[in-house]
């Protein structure tokens, strides 16, 4: 596993398509921060850090509306081979109604709307809808 962000997101997408209620993920601070943003934006039900067999893992509970997964798709923008950065103005221009951008800023991981309100830019990690 080279890139924890894309691994985390693809596991969530695959688990939601398989109609799983919960999924265990390898723990990292970045994954936990991203999961908290997704809970705040309504894509996940909850996230907990647990120790399973002497390893710290994240237990992610997925959300469904009328038995359909809330997470329909993910576009990973910033990769280890090509980091993509966005300013405050580019974030607001790229915003769509149902699509949420997630950024890693100097003030932590946050959604595009939140970054726009605070007037900060950063590394554009992914978009989810």
Protein backbone atom coordinates (compact mmCIF):
# COMPACT_ATOMS: atom_id res chain seq x y z
CA UNK A 1 0.00 0.00 0.00
CA UNK A 2 1.69 3.16 -1.20
CA UNK A 3 -0.93 5.83 -0.67
CA UNK A 4 -3.11 5.62 2.44
CA UNK A 5 -5.66 8.20 1.27
CA UNK A 6 -6.64 6.38 -1.91
CA UNK A 7 -6.64 3.01 -0.13
CA UNK A 8 -8.94 4.42 2.56
CA UNK A 9 -11.37 5.91 0.01
CA UNK A 10 -11.52 2.89 -2.27
CA UNK A 11 -12.20 0.62 0.72
CA UNK A 12 -15.11 2.86 1.72
CA UNK A 13 -16.51 2.90 -1.83
CA UNK A 14 -16.20 -0.88 -2.26
CA UNK A 15 -17.72 -1.60 1.16
CA UNK A 16 -20.67 0.69 0.44
CA UNK A 17 -21.30 -1.02 -2.92
CA UNK A 18 -21.18 -4.38 -1.12
CA UNK A 19 -23.74 -3.04 1.41
CA UNK A 20 -21.52 -3.51 4.45
CA UNK A 21 -22.56 -1.74 7.64
CA UNK A 22 -19.02 -1.33 8.97
CA UNK A 23 -15.50 -1.72 7.70
CA UNK A 24 -12.14 -1.86 9.49
CA UNK A 25 -9.29 0.28 8.14
CA UNK A 26 -5.61 0.58 9.04
CA UNK A 27 -5.16 3.49 11.43
CA UNK A 28 -3.35 6.69 10.53
CA UNK A 29 -3.90 10.23 11.75
CA UNK A 30 -4.65 11.40 8.21
CA UNK A 31 -7.24 8.65 7.68
CA UNK A 32 -8.93 9.53 10.96
CA UNK A 33 -9.01 13.23 10.05
CA UNK A 34 -10.50 12.45 6.63
CA UNK A 35 -13.10 10.15 8.20
CA UNK A 36 -14.14 12.90 10.64
CA UNK A 37 -14.61 15.32 7.73
CA UNK A 38 -16.72 12.73 5.89
CA UNK A 39 -18.86 12.21 9.02
CA UNK A 40 -19.35 15.98 9.28
CA UNK A 41 -20.35 16.17 5.59
CA UNK A 42 -22.81 13.26 5.95
CA UNK A 43 -21.06 10.56 3.90
CA UNK A 44 -20.26 8.31 6.89
CA UNK A 45 -22.31 7.52 10.01
CA UNK A 46 -19.45 7.42 12.53
CA UNK A 47 -15.80 6.56 13.01
CA UNK A 48 -14.06 5.01 16.02
CA UNK A 49 -10.42 4.18 16.73
CA UNK A 50 -10.13 0.67 18.19
CA UNK A 51 -7.37 -1.76 19.05
CA UNK A 52 -7.88 -5.14 17.38
CA UNK A 53 -5.30 -7.88 17.93
CA UNK A 54 -2.72 -5.39 19.26
CA UNK A 55 -3.09 -3.14 16.17
CA UNK A 56 -4.85 0.19 16.13
CA UNK A 57 -7.60 0.32 13.49
CA UNK A 58 -10.45 2.57 12.46
CA UNK A 59 -13.98 1.21 12.55
CA UNK A 60 -15.96 3.13 9.95
CA UNK A 61 -19.78 2.90 9.89
CA UNK A 62 -21.25 3.57 6.46
CA UNK A 63 -24.44 5.52 5.69
CA UNK A 64 -27.29 4.47 3.44
CA UNK A 65 -30.43 6.33 2.35
CA UNK A 66 -33.32 4.11 1.24
CA UNK A 67 -30.90 1.17 1.08
CA UNK A 68 -28.69 3.03 -1.40
CA UNK A 69 -25.13 4.01 -0.44
CA UNK A 70 -24.52 7.70 0.18
CA UNK A 71 -21.04 7.42 -1.37
CA UNK A 72 -21.62 7.13 -5.11
CA UNK A 73 -18.16 7.97 -6.41
CA UNK A 74 -14.70 9.24 -5.55
CA UNK A 75 -12.12 11.09 -7.63
CA UNK A 76 -8.62 11.07 -6.19
CA UNK A 77 -6.90 14.26 -7.27
CA UNK A 78 -3.62 14.52 -5.40
CA UNK A 79 -1.34 11.49 -5.70
CA UNK A 80 2.19 10.76 -4.47
CA UNK A 81 3.50 11.20 -8.01
CA UNK A 82 1.65 14.49 -8.57
CA UNK A 83 0.55 16.67 -5.68
CA UNK A 84 -2.19 19.16 -6.54
CA UNK A 85 -2.61 22.39 -4.60
CA UNK A 86 -5.52 24.80 -4.73
CA UNK A 87 -5.99 28.35 -3.56
CA UNK A 88 -9.12 29.66 -1.89
CA UNK A 89 -10.50 30.99 -5.21
CA UNK A 90 -9.92 27.74 -7.12
CA UNK A 91 -11.75 25.75 -4.43
CA UNK A 92 -14.90 27.86 -4.70
CA UNK A 93 -14.83 27.72 -8.52
CA UNK A 94 -14.58 23.91 -8.54
CA UNK A 95 -17.43 23.41 -6.07
CA UNK A 96 -20.53 21.57 -7.19
CA UNK A 97 -23.74 21.13 -5.21
CA UNK A 98 -23.51 17.44 -4.37
CA UNK A 99 -19.74 17.08 -4.77
CA UNK A 100 -17.50 17.74 -1.76
CA UNK A 101 -13.80 18.53 -2.04
CA UNK A 102 -11.48 17.57 0.82
CA UNK A 103 -8.25 19.45 1.43
CA UNK A 104 -5.25 19.13 3.66
CA UNK A 105 -4.45 22.64 4.85
CA UNK A 106 -2.13 24.20 7.37
CA UNK A 107 -5.12 24.28 9.75
CA UNK A 108 -5.90 20.57 9.33
CA UNK A 109 -8.00 18.44 7.00
CA UNK A 110 -11.27 20.13 6.01
CA UNK A 111 -13.90 20.27 3.33
CA UNK A 112 -13.77 22.78 0.51
CA UNK A 113 -16.64 24.81 1.95
CA UNK A 114 -14.95 25.06 5.33
CA UNK A 115 -11.62 26.04 3.73
CA UNK A 116 -13.40 28.67 1.66
CA UNK A 117 -15.01 30.16 4.78
CA UNK A 118 -11.66 30.28 6.58
CA UNK A 119 -9.91 31.65 3.51
CA UNK A 120 -7.21 28.98 3.30
CA UNK A 121 -5.98 26.77 0.49
CA UNK A 122 -3.97 23.58 0.51
CA UNK A 123 -3.46 20.19 -1.04
CA UNK A 124 -6.62 19.06 -2.82
CA UNK A 125 -6.82 15.40 -1.79
CA UNK A 126 -10.03 14.15 -3.43
CA UNK A 127 -13.62 14.85 -4.40
CA UNK A 128 -16.50 12.69 -3.27
CA UNK A 129 -20.16 12.59 -4.30
